[in-house]
Amino acid sequence: MTAVHDVLKHVSVVPPAAELPAAARILAETYPQIVDFDSTGMSVEEVHYFLGESAAIAYFQYRSLLKLP
């Protein structure tokens, strides 16, 4: 198993690591906290506050790559 698989195995809405686009896989490996972060009800500023600047940018890129709402 890969590190990405270990990070993603408990998240049901995310496809298996082998099916992730390469860019999404790299983001998940670099910022594992973005994989299951729930930003429901948060503003963009709050997401940046909780994750930090770099991880928040990675979070929004990751969601875009996976076409998540």
Protein backbone atom coordinates (compact mmCIF):
# COMPACT_ATOMS: atom_id res chain seq x y z
CA MET A 1 0.00 0.00 0.00
CA THR A 2 1.11 3.55 -0.62
CA ALA A 3 1.16 6.41 1.82
CA VAL A 4 -1.67 8.02 -0.14
CA HIS A 5 -3.78 4.89 0.21
CA ASP A 6 -3.21 4.91 3.97
CA VAL A 7 -4.32 8.54 4.13
CA LEU A 8 -7.33 8.09 1.88
CA LYS A 9 -8.64 4.65 2.86
CA HIS A 10 -11.08 6.00 5.46
CA VAL A 11 -12.62 8.65 3.20
CA SER A 12 -15.59 7.25 1.29
CA VAL A 13 -16.14 10.06 -1.23
CA VAL A 14 -12.57 10.08 -2.48
CA PRO A 15 -11.66 7.53 -5.14
CA PRO A 16 -8.93 4.96 -4.36
CA ALA A 17 -5.42 6.41 -4.57
CA ALA A 18 -4.71 4.57 -7.81
CA GLU A 19 -7.61 6.42 -9.46
CA LEU A 20 -6.60 9.89 -8.29
CA PRO A 21 -5.14 12.31 -10.80
CA ALA A 22 -1.38 12.62 -10.25
CA ALA A 23 -1.68 16.22 -9.04
CA ALA A 24 -4.33 15.28 -6.46
CA ARG A 25 -2.21 12.36 -5.26
CA ILE A 26 0.78 14.67 -4.76
CA LEU A 27 -1.35 17.18 -2.83
CA ALA A 28 -2.74 14.40 -0.61
CA GLU A 29 0.76 13.12 0.13
CA THR A 30 2.08 16.58 0.89
CA TYR A 31 -0.91 17.80 2.91
CA PRO A 32 -2.71 14.73 4.31
CA GLN A 33 -4.92 16.95 6.47
CA ILE A 34 -6.76 18.21 3.36
CA VAL A 35 -8.12 14.78 2.45
CA ASP A 36 -10.82 14.61 5.09
CA PHE A 37 -11.05 18.24 6.14
CA ASP A 38 -14.70 19.32 6.39
CA SER A 39 -15.17 22.97 5.49
CA THR A 40 -18.97 22.88 5.67
CA GLY A 41 -20.22 26.27 6.79
CA MET A 42 -16.77 27.88 6.74
CA SER A 43 -15.73 30.91 4.79
CA VAL A 44 -12.57 30.86 2.69
CA GLU A 45 -10.86 32.90 5.41
CA GLU A 46 -11.79 30.34 8.07
CA VAL A 47 -10.41 27.48 5.96
CA HIS A 48 -7.14 29.43 5.62
CA TYR A 49 -7.10 30.04 9.38
CA PHE A 50 -7.60 26.38 10.30
CA LEU A 51 -5.35 24.79 7.68
CA GLY A 52 -2.75 27.50 7.16
CA GLU A 53 -2.08 29.33 3.91
CA SER A 54 -0.30 26.63 1.90
CA ALA A 55 -2.53 23.76 3.01
CA ALA A 56 -5.67 25.81 2.36
CA ILE A 57 -4.58 26.55 -1.20
CA ALA A 58 -3.78 22.85 -1.64
CA TYR A 59 -7.21 21.98 -0.19
CA PHE A 60 -9.06 24.07 -2.77
CA GLN A 61 -6.88 22.73 -5.60
CA TYR A 62 -7.45 19.16 -4.41
CA ARG A 63 -11.23 19.61 -4.32
CA SER A 64 -11.17 21.16 -7.77
CA LEU A 65 -9.11 18.30 -9.20
CA LEU A 66 -11.57 15.74 -7.78
CA LYS A 67 -14.53 17.87 -8.91
CA LEU A 68 -15.91 17.95 -5.36
CA PRO A 69 -18.40 20.68 -4.38
